[in-house]
Amino acid sequence: QFGQAINKFQGIQFKLSDMATRIHAARLMTYHAA
């Protein structure tokens, strides 16, 4: 959009970063409980 991949936009990058952080924390908690 607007001549470039949308992952170049900071708003998209922030959302992807938050998603990855939640997943990493969830995975660590799950492995620790196991």
PDB file of all heavy atoms in Angstrom:
ATOM      1  N   GLN A   1       0.863  -1.177   0.000  1.00  0.00           N
ATOM      2  CA  GLN A   1       0.000   0.000   0.000  1.00  0.00           C
ATOM      3  C   GLN A   1       0.907   1.236   0.000  1.00  0.00           C
ATOM      4  O   GLN A   1       1.970   1.231   0.629  1.00  0.00           O
ATOM      5  CB  GLN A   1      -0.905   0.022   1.235  1.00  0.00           C
ATOM      6  CG  GLN A   1      -1.986  -1.071   1.246  1.00  0.00           C
ATOM      7  CD  GLN A   1      -3.102  -0.804   0.242  1.00  0.00           C
ATOM      8  OE1 GLN A   1      -4.011  -0.013   0.470  1.00  0.00           O
ATOM      9  NE2 GLN A   1      -3.006  -1.468  -0.904  1.00  0.00           N
ATOM     10  N   PHE A   2       0.474   2.244  -0.695  1.00  0.00           N
ATOM     11  CA  PHE A   2       1.247   3.483  -0.776  1.00  0.00           C
ATOM     12  C   PHE A   2       2.670   3.238  -1.268  1.00  0.00           C
ATOM     13  O   PHE A   2       3.640   3.839  -0.803  1.00  0.00           O
ATOM     14  CB  PHE A   2       1.259   4.208   0.575  1.00  0.00           C
ATOM     15  CG  PHE A   2      -0.108   4.456   1.135  1.00  0.00           C
ATOM     16  CD1 PHE A   2      -0.604   3.659   2.156  1.00  0.00           C
ATOM     17  CD2 PHE A   2      -0.914   5.463   0.620  1.00  0.00           C
ATOM     18  CE1 PHE A   2      -1.872   3.867   2.663  1.00  0.00           C
ATOM     19  CE2 PHE A   2      -2.186   5.683   1.122  1.00  0.00           C
ATOM     20  CZ  PHE A   2      -2.673   4.881   2.148  1.00  0.00           C
ATOM     21  N   GLY A   3       2.788   2.254  -2.177  1.00  0.00           N
ATOM     22  CA  GLY A   3       4.059   2.028  -2.852  1.00  0.00           C
ATOM     23  C   GLY A   3       5.077   1.185  -2.110  1.00  0.00           C
ATOM     24  O   GLY A   3       6.230   1.090  -2.540  1.00  0.00           O
ATOM     25  N   GLN A   4       4.686   0.546  -1.008  1.00  0.00           N
ATOM     26  CA  GLN A   4       5.638  -0.300  -0.286  1.00  0.00           C
ATOM     27  C   GLN A   4       4.902  -1.375   0.515  1.00  0.00           C
ATOM     28  O   GLN A   4       3.702  -1.260   0.770  1.00  0.00           O
ATOM     29  CB  GLN A   4       6.502   0.544   0.650  1.00  0.00           C
ATOM     30  CG  GLN A   4       5.725   1.301   1.710  1.00  0.00           C
ATOM     31  CD  GLN A   4       6.627   2.161   2.577  1.00  0.00           C
ATOM     32  OE1 GLN A   4       7.831   1.934   2.689  1.00  0.00           O
ATOM     33  NE2 GLN A   4       6.049   3.174   3.228  1.00  0.00           N
ATOM     34  N   ALA A   5       5.643  -2.406   0.895  1.00  0.00           N
ATOM     35  CA  ALA A   5       5.070  -3.461   1.736  1.00  0.00           C
ATOM     36  C   ALA A   5       4.609  -2.846   3.046  1.00  0.00           C
ATOM     37  O   ALA A   5       5.297  -1.981   3.618  1.00  0.00           O
ATOM     38  CB  ALA A   5       6.101  -4.546   1.998  1.00  0.00           C
ATOM     39  N   ILE A   6       3.466  -3.295   3.541  1.00  0.00           N
ATOM     40  CA  ILE A   6       2.910  -2.632   4.726  1.00  0.00           C
ATOM     41  C   ILE A   6       3.740  -2.899   5.984  1.00  0.00           C
ATOM     42  O   ILE A   6       3.581  -2.185   6.984  1.00  0.00           O
ATOM     43  CB  ILE A   6       1.434  -3.015   4.955  1.00  0.00           C
ATOM     44  CG1 ILE A   6       1.280  -4.514   5.214  1.00  0.00           C
ATOM     45  CG2 ILE A   6       0.573  -2.577   3.770  1.00  0.00           C
ATOM     46  CD1 ILE A   6      -0.146  -4.910   5.609  1.00  0.00           C
ATOM     47  N   ASN A   7       4.620  -3.918   5.960  1.00  0.00           N
ATOM     48  CA  ASN A   7       5.470  -4.127   7.134  1.00  0.00           C
ATOM     49  C   ASN A   7       6.568  -3.071   7.260  1.00  0.00           C
ATOM     50  O   ASN A   7       7.342  -3.097   8.228  1.00  0.00           O
ATOM     51  CB  ASN A   7       6.064  -5.537   7.149  1.00  0.00           C
ATOM     52  CG  ASN A   7       7.045  -5.803   6.035  1.00  0.00           C
ATOM     53  OD1 ASN A   7       7.385  -4.914   5.235  1.00  0.00           O
ATOM     54  ND2 ASN A   7       7.497  -7.053   5.946  1.00  0.00           N
ATOM     55  N   LYS A   8       6.622  -2.154   6.335  1.00  0.00           N
ATOM     56  CA  LYS A   8       7.565  -1.039   6.434  1.00  0.00           C
ATOM     57  C   LYS A   8       7.013   0.092   7.307  1.00  0.00           C
ATOM     58  O   LYS A   8       7.740   0.985   7.711  1.00  0.00           O
ATOM     59  CB  LYS A   8       7.893  -0.474   5.043  1.00  0.00           C
ATOM     60  CG  LYS A   8       8.488  -1.491   4.079  1.00  0.00           C
ATOM     61  CD  LYS A   8       9.825  -2.014   4.546  1.00  0.00           C
ATOM     62  CE  LYS A   8      10.437  -2.952   3.500  1.00  0.00           C
ATOM     63  NZ  LYS A   8      11.717  -3.534   3.980  1.00  0.00           N
ATOM     64  N   PHE A   9       5.697   0.024   7.575  1.00  0.00           N
ATOM     65  CA  PHE A   9       5.071   1.067   8.380  1.00  0.00           C
ATOM     66  C   PHE A   9       5.243   0.765   9.865  1.00  0.00           C
ATOM     67  O   PHE A   9       5.053  -0.364  10.314  1.00  0.00           O
ATOM     68  CB  PHE A   9       3.586   1.196   8.036  1.00  0.00           C
ATOM     69  CG  PHE A   9       3.329   1.667   6.631  1.00  0.00           C
ATOM     70  CD1 PHE A   9       2.952   0.768   5.647  1.00  0.00           C
ATOM     71  CD2 PHE A   9       3.494   3.006   6.291  1.00  0.00           C
ATOM     72  CE1 PHE A   9       2.719   1.196   4.350  1.00  0.00           C
ATOM     73  CE2 PHE A   9       3.266   3.441   4.997  1.00  0.00           C
ATOM     74  CZ  PHE A   9       2.886   2.535   4.014  1.00  0.00           C
ATOM     75  N   GLN A  10       5.589   1.794  10.614  1.00  0.00           N
ATOM     76  CA  GLN A  10       5.897   1.603  12.025  1.00  0.00           C
ATOM     77  C   GLN A  10       4.701   1.050  12.807  1.00  0.00           C
ATOM     78  O   GLN A  10       4.862   0.216  13.705  1.00  0.00           O
ATOM     79  CB  GLN A  10       6.359   2.926  12.638  1.00  0.00           C
ATOM     80  CG  GLN A  10       6.975   2.769  14.021  1.00  0.00           C
ATOM     81  CD  GLN A  10       7.502   4.098  14.543  1.00  0.00           C
ATOM     82  OE1 GLN A  10       6.739   5.024  14.786  1.00  0.00           O
ATOM     83  NE2 GLN A  10       8.823   4.185  14.725  1.00  0.00           N
ATOM     84  N   GLY A  11       3.506   1.492  12.471  1.00  0.00           N
ATOM     85  CA  GLY A  11       2.322   0.992  13.164  1.00  0.00           C
ATOM     86  C   GLY A  11       2.170  -0.519  13.025  1.00  0.00           C
ATOM     87  O   GLY A  11       1.807  -1.210  13.980  1.00  0.00           O
ATOM     88  N   ILE A  12       2.450  -1.041  11.840  1.00  0.00           N
ATOM     89  CA  ILE A  12       2.405  -2.489  11.600  1.00  0.00           C
ATOM     90  C   ILE A  12       3.519  -3.179  12.373  1.00  0.00           C
ATOM     91  O   ILE A  12       3.318  -4.243  12.993  1.00  0.00           O
ATOM     92  CB  ILE A  12       2.530  -2.793  10.096  1.00  0.00           C
ATOM     93  CG1 ILE A  12       1.397  -2.131   9.313  1.00  0.00           C
ATOM     94  CG2 ILE A  12       2.573  -4.297   9.852  1.00  0.00           C
ATOM     95  CD1 ILE A  12       0.024  -2.651   9.639  1.00  0.00           C
ATOM     96  N   GLN A  13       4.700  -2.596  12.359  1.00  0.00           N
ATOM     97  CA  GLN A  13       5.839  -3.181  13.069  1.00  0.00           C
ATOM     98  C   GLN A  13       5.569  -3.273  14.569  1.00  0.00           C
ATOM     99  O   GLN A  13       5.909  -4.272  15.212  1.00  0.00           O
ATOM    100  CB  GLN A  13       7.099  -2.353  12.804  1.00  0.00           C
ATOM    101  CG  GLN A  13       7.571  -2.401  11.365  1.00  0.00           C
ATOM    102  CD  GLN A  13       8.721  -1.445  11.097  1.00  0.00           C
ATOM    103  OE1 GLN A  13       9.133  -0.674  11.974  1.00  0.00           O
ATOM    104  NE2 GLN A  13       9.229  -1.464   9.868  1.00  0.00           N
ATOM    105  N   PHE A  14       4.955  -2.229  15.130  1.00  0.00           N
ATOM    106  CA  PHE A  14       4.635  -2.254  16.558  1.00  0.00           C
ATOM    107  C   PHE A  14       3.681  -3.413  16.881  1.00  0.00           C
ATOM    108  O   PHE A  14       3.851  -4.111  17.881  1.00  0.00           O
ATOM    109  CB  PHE A  14       3.987  -0.931  16.978  1.00  0.00           C
ATOM    110  CG  PHE A  14       4.966   0.197  17.171  1.00  0.00           C
ATOM    111  CD1 PHE A  14       6.316   0.041  16.920  1.00  0.00           C
ATOM    112  CD2 PHE A  14       4.526   1.447  17.594  1.00  0.00           C
ATOM    113  CE1 PHE A  14       7.219   1.072  17.098  1.00  0.00           C
ATOM    114  CE2 PHE A  14       5.419   2.495  17.785  1.00  0.00           C
ATOM    115  CZ  PHE A  14       6.761   2.307  17.529  1.00  0.00           C
ATOM    116  N   LYS A  15       2.680  -3.609  16.042  1.00  0.00           N
ATOM    117  CA  LYS A  15       1.707  -4.675  16.290  1.00  0.00           C
ATOM    118  C   LYS A  15       2.379  -6.049  16.202  1.00  0.00           C
ATOM    119  O   LYS A  15       2.153  -6.920  17.044  1.00  0.00           O
ATOM    120  CB  LYS A  15       0.543  -4.572  15.305  1.00  0.00           C
ATOM    121  CG  LYS A  15      -0.668  -5.409  15.715  1.00  0.00           C
ATOM    122  CD  LYS A  15      -1.861  -5.136  14.815  1.00  0.00           C
ATOM    123  CE  LYS A  15      -2.500  -3.803  15.071  1.00  0.00           C
ATOM    124  NZ  LYS A  15      -3.214  -3.776  16.383  1.00  0.00           N
ATOM    125  N   LEU A  16       3.216  -6.243  15.188  1.00  0.00           N
ATOM    126  CA  LEU A  16       3.943  -7.509  15.047  1.00  0.00           C
ATOM    127  C   LEU A  16       4.857  -7.746  16.253  1.00  0.00           C
ATOM    128  O   LEU A  16       4.966  -8.877  16.748  1.00  0.00           O
ATOM    129  CB  LEU A  16       4.763  -7.503  13.756  1.00  0.00           C
ATOM    130  CG  LEU A  16       3.975  -7.543  12.438  1.00  0.00           C
ATOM    131  CD1 LEU A  16       4.901  -7.282  11.266  1.00  0.00           C
ATOM    132  CD2 LEU A  16       3.266  -8.882  12.261  1.00  0.00           C
ATOM    133  N   SER A  17       5.492  -6.685  16.719  1.00  0.00           N
ATOM    134  CA  SER A  17       6.384  -6.802  17.877  1.00  0.00           C
ATOM    135  C   SER A  17       5.619  -7.217  19.131  1.00  0.00           C
ATOM    136  O   SER A  17       6.073  -8.089  19.891  1.00  0.00           O
ATOM    137  CB  SER A  17       7.094  -5.471  18.130  1.00  0.00           C
ATOM    138  OG  SER A  17       7.901  -5.113  17.035  1.00  0.00           O
ATOM    139  N   ASP A  18       4.475  -6.615  19.349  1.00  0.00           N
ATOM    140  CA  ASP A  18       3.655  -6.971  20.511  1.00  0.00           C
ATOM    141  C   ASP A  18       3.179  -8.420  20.419  1.00  0.00           C
ATOM    142  O   ASP A  18       3.158  -9.143  21.428  1.00  0.00           O
ATOM    143  CB  ASP A  18       2.446  -6.042  20.612  1.00  0.00           C
ATOM    144  CG  ASP A  18       2.823  -4.629  21.056  1.00  0.00           C
ATOM    145  OD1 ASP A  18       3.949  -4.453  21.560  1.00  0.00           O
ATOM    146  OD2 ASP A  18       1.991  -3.716  20.891  1.00  0.00           O
ATOM    147  N   MET A  19       2.793  -8.850  19.238  1.00  0.00           N
ATOM    148  CA  MET A  19       2.343 -10.236  19.043  1.00  0.00           C
ATOM    149  C   MET A  19       3.467 -11.213  19.390  1.00  0.00           C
ATOM    150  O   MET A  19       3.266 -12.184  20.133  1.00  0.00           O
ATOM    151  CB  MET A  19       1.882 -10.438  17.601  1.00  0.00           C
ATOM    152  CG  MET A  19       0.617  -9.663  17.240  1.00  0.00           C
ATOM    153  SD  MET A  19       0.373  -9.474  15.443  1.00  0.00           S
ATOM    154  CE  MET A  19      -0.074 -11.146  14.973  1.00  0.00           C
ATOM    155  N   ALA A  20       4.647 -10.961  18.856  1.00  0.00           N
ATOM    156  CA  ALA A  20       5.785 -11.848  19.092  1.00  0.00           C
ATOM    157  C   ALA A  20       6.172 -11.890  20.570  1.00  0.00           C
ATOM    158  O   ALA A  20       6.535 -12.945  21.101  1.00  0.00           O
ATOM    159  CB  ALA A  20       6.977 -11.409  18.250  1.00  0.00           C
ATOM    160  N   THR A  21       6.093 -10.745  21.231  1.00  0.00           N
ATOM    161  CA  THR A  21       6.457 -10.683  22.654  1.00  0.00           C
ATOM    162  C   THR A  21       5.485 -11.495  23.498  1.00  0.00           C
ATOM    163  O   THR A  21       5.890 -12.239  24.403  1.00  0.00           O
ATOM    164  CB  THR A  21       6.478  -9.216  23.124  1.00  0.00           C
ATOM    165  OG1 THR A  21       7.442  -8.494  22.340  1.00  0.00           O
ATOM    166  CG2 THR A  21       6.849  -9.126  24.594  1.00  0.00           C
ATOM    167  N   ARG A  22       4.191 -11.369  23.227  1.00  0.00           N
ATOM    168  CA  ARG A  22       3.192 -12.150  23.970  1.00  0.00           C
ATOM    169  C   ARG A  22       3.427 -13.649  23.776  1.00  0.00           C
ATOM    170  O   ARG A  22       3.343 -14.434  24.717  1.00  0.00           O
ATOM    171  CB  ARG A  22       1.782 -11.779  23.509  1.00  0.00           C
ATOM    172  CG  ARG A  22       1.319 -10.398  23.924  1.00  0.00           C
ATOM    173  CD  ARG A  22      -0.175 -10.242  23.649  1.00  0.00           C
ATOM    174  NE  ARG A  22      -0.622  -8.870  23.844  1.00  0.00           N
ATOM    175  CZ  ARG A  22      -0.839  -8.006  22.860  1.00  0.00           C
ATOM    176  NH1 ARG A  22      -0.662  -8.368  21.606  1.00  0.00           N
ATOM    177  NH2 ARG A  22      -1.252  -6.789  23.130  1.00  0.00           N
ATOM    178  N   ILE A  23       3.705 -14.041  22.543  1.00  0.00           N
ATOM    179  CA  ILE A  23       3.912 -15.462  22.254  1.00  0.00           C
ATOM    180  C   ILE A  23       5.138 -15.984  22.978  1.00  0.00           C
ATOM    181  O   ILE A  23       5.116 -17.080  23.561  1.00  0.00           O
ATOM    182  CB  ILE A  23       4.043 -15.686  20.731  1.00  0.00           C
ATOM    183  CG1 ILE A  23       2.720 -15.364  20.036  1.00  0.00           C
ATOM    184  CG2 ILE A  23       4.468 -17.124  20.431  1.00  0.00           C
ATOM    185  CD1 ILE A  23       2.835 -15.262  18.526  1.00  0.00           C
ATOM    186  N   HIS A  24       6.214 -15.218  22.956  1.00  0.00           N
ATOM    187  CA  HIS A  24       7.444 -15.667  23.610  1.00  0.00           C
ATOM    188  C   HIS A  24       7.224 -15.843  25.116  1.00  0.00           C
ATOM    189  O   HIS A  24       7.648 -16.845  25.702  1.00  0.00           O
ATOM    190  CB  HIS A  24       8.560 -14.655  23.357  1.00  0.00           C
ATOM    191  CG  HIS A  24       9.902 -15.103  23.857  1.00  0.00           C
ATOM    192  ND1 HIS A  24      10.537 -16.228  23.390  1.00  0.00           N
ATOM    193  CD2 HIS A  24      10.725 -14.586  24.820  1.00  0.00           C
ATOM    194  CE1 HIS A  24      11.691 -16.387  24.020  1.00  0.00           C
ATOM    195  NE2 HIS A  24      11.825 -15.404  24.892  1.00  0.00           N
ATOM    196  N   ALA A  25       6.551 -14.895  25.728  1.00  0.00           N
ATOM    197  CA  ALA A  25       6.269 -14.994  27.161  1.00  0.00           C
ATOM    198  C   ALA A  25       5.371 -16.197  27.453  1.00  0.00           C
ATOM    199  O   ALA A  25       5.604 -16.946  28.412  1.00  0.00           O
ATOM    200  CB  ALA A  25       5.613 -13.707  27.655  1.00  0.00           C
ATOM    201  N   ALA A  26       4.353 -16.407  26.630  1.00  0.00           N
ATOM    202  CA  ALA A  26       3.445 -17.532  26.823  1.00  0.00           C
ATOM    203  C   ALA A  26       4.170 -18.860  26.676  1.00  0.00           C
ATOM    204  O   ALA A  26       3.938 -19.808  27.442  1.00  0.00           O
ATOM    205  CB  ALA A  26       2.291 -17.449  25.825  1.00  0.00           C
ATOM    206  N   ARG A  27       5.062 -18.933  25.706  1.00  0.00           N
ATOM    207  CA  ARG A  27       5.812 -20.177  25.489  1.00  0.00           C
ATOM    208  C   ARG A  27       6.706 -20.478  26.694  1.00  0.00           C
ATOM    209  O   ARG A  27       6.769 -21.620  27.162  1.00  0.00           O
ATOM    210  CB  ARG A  27       6.638 -20.058  24.206  1.00  0.00           C
ATOM    211  CG  ARG A  27       7.406 -21.337  23.864  1.00  0.00           C
ATOM    212  CD  ARG A  27       8.153 -21.210  22.544  1.00  0.00           C
ATOM    213  NE  ARG A  27       7.244 -21.211  21.409  1.00  0.00           N
ATOM    214  CZ  ARG A  27       7.089 -20.186  20.571  1.00  0.00           C
ATOM    215  NH1 ARG A  27       7.778 -19.063  20.749  1.00  0.00           N
ATOM    216  NH2 ARG A  27       6.252 -20.284  19.564  1.00  0.00           N
ATOM    217  N   LEU A  28       7.400 -19.469  27.199  1.00  0.00           N
ATOM    218  CA  LEU A  28       8.261 -19.672  28.362  1.00  0.00           C
ATOM    219  C   LEU A  28       7.462 -20.146  29.580  1.00  0.00           C
ATOM    220  O   LEU A  28       7.886 -21.044  30.305  1.00  0.00           O
ATOM    221  CB  LEU A  28       9.006 -18.380  28.688  1.00  0.00           C
ATOM    222  CG  LEU A  28      10.176 -18.018  27.764  1.00  0.00           C
ATOM    223  CD1 LEU A  28      10.652 -16.605  28.047  1.00  0.00           C
ATOM    224  CD2 LEU A  28      11.316 -19.010  27.917  1.00  0.00           C
ATOM    225  N   MET A  29       6.295 -19.542  29.802  1.00  0.00           N
ATOM    226  CA  MET A  29       5.460 -19.942  30.932  1.00  0.00           C
ATOM    227  C   MET A  29       4.976 -21.381  30.772  1.00  0.00           C
ATOM    228  O   MET A  29       4.924 -22.149  31.738  1.00  0.00           O
ATOM    229  CB  MET A  29       4.260 -18.993  31.054  1.00  0.00           C
ATOM    230  CG  MET A  29       4.642 -17.580  31.461  1.00  0.00           C
ATOM    231  SD  MET A  29       3.230 -16.458  31.509  1.00  0.00           S
ATOM    232  CE  MET A  29       2.426 -17.025  33.016  1.00  0.00           C
ATOM    233  N   THR A  30       4.638 -21.760  29.549  1.00  0.00           N
ATOM    234  CA  THR A  30       4.150 -23.114  29.288  1.00  0.00           C
ATOM    235  C   THR A  30       5.255 -24.145  29.488  1.00  0.00           C
ATOM    236  O   THR A  30       5.049 -25.184  30.128  1.00  0.00           O
ATOM    237  CB  THR A  30       3.589 -23.201  27.860  1.00  0.00           C
ATOM    238  OG1 THR A  30       2.551 -22.217  27.706  1.00  0.00           O
ATOM    239  CG2 THR A  30       3.027 -24.580  27.576  1.00  0.00           C
ATOM    240  N   TYR A  31       6.435 -23.863  28.960  1.00  0.00           N
ATOM    241  CA  TYR A  31       7.550 -24.787  29.129  1.00  0.00           C
ATOM    242  C   TYR A  31       7.943 -24.910  30.602  1.00  0.00           C
ATOM    243  O   TYR A  31       8.283 -26.007  31.075  1.00  0.00           O
ATOM    244  CB  TYR A  31       8.756 -24.313  28.301  1.00  0.00           C
ATOM    245  CG  TYR A  31       8.687 -24.687  26.842  1.00  0.00           C
ATOM    246  CD1 TYR A  31       7.558 -24.397  26.079  1.00  0.00           C
ATOM    247  CD2 TYR A  31       9.746 -25.320  26.211  1.00  0.00           C
ATOM    248  CE1 TYR A  31       7.494 -24.734  24.741  1.00  0.00           C
ATOM    249  CE2 TYR A  31       9.688 -25.663  24.866  1.00  0.00           C
ATOM    250  CZ  TYR A  31       8.558 -25.368  24.136  1.00  0.00           C
ATOM    251  OH  TYR A  31       8.496 -25.714  22.816  1.00  0.00           O
ATOM    252  N   HIS A  32       7.893 -23.799  31.315  1.00  0.00           N
ATOM    253  CA  HIS A  32       8.258 -23.838  32.729  1.00  0.00           C
ATOM    254  C   HIS A  32       7.266 -24.697  33.515  1.00  0.00           C
ATOM    255  O   HIS A  32       7.675 -25.520  34.355  1.00  0.00           O
ATOM    256  CB  HIS A  32       8.296 -22.425  33.304  1.00  0.00           C
ATOM    257  CG  HIS A  32       8.658 -22.377  34.757  1.00  0.00           C
ATOM    258  ND1 HIS A  32       9.860 -22.842  35.249  1.00  0.00           N
ATOM    259  CD2 HIS A  32       7.964 -21.932  35.841  1.00  0.00           C
ATOM    260  CE1 HIS A  32       9.896 -22.682  36.560  1.00  0.00           C
ATOM    261  NE2 HIS A  32       8.754 -22.140  36.948  1.00  0.00           N
ATOM    262  N   ALA A  33       5.978 -24.525  33.256  1.00  0.00           N
ATOM    263  CA  ALA A  33       4.970 -25.334  33.943  1.00  0.00           C
ATOM    264  C   ALA A  33       5.148 -26.810  33.615  1.00  0.00           C
ATOM    265  O   ALA A  33       5.041 -27.676  34.492  1.00  0.00           O
ATOM    266  CB  ALA A  33       3.567 -24.861  33.554  1.00  0.00           C
ATOM    267  N   ALA A  34       5.442 -27.117  32.349  1.00  0.00           N
ATOM    268  CA  ALA A  34       5.667 -28.509  31.944  1.00  0.00           C
ATOM    269  C   ALA A  34       6.895 -29.086  32.639  1.00  0.00           C
ATOM    270  O   ALA A  34       6.889 -30.243  33.089  1.00  0.00           O
ATOM    271  CB  ALA A  34       5.821 -28.590  30.427  1.00  0.00           C
TER     272      ALA A  34
END
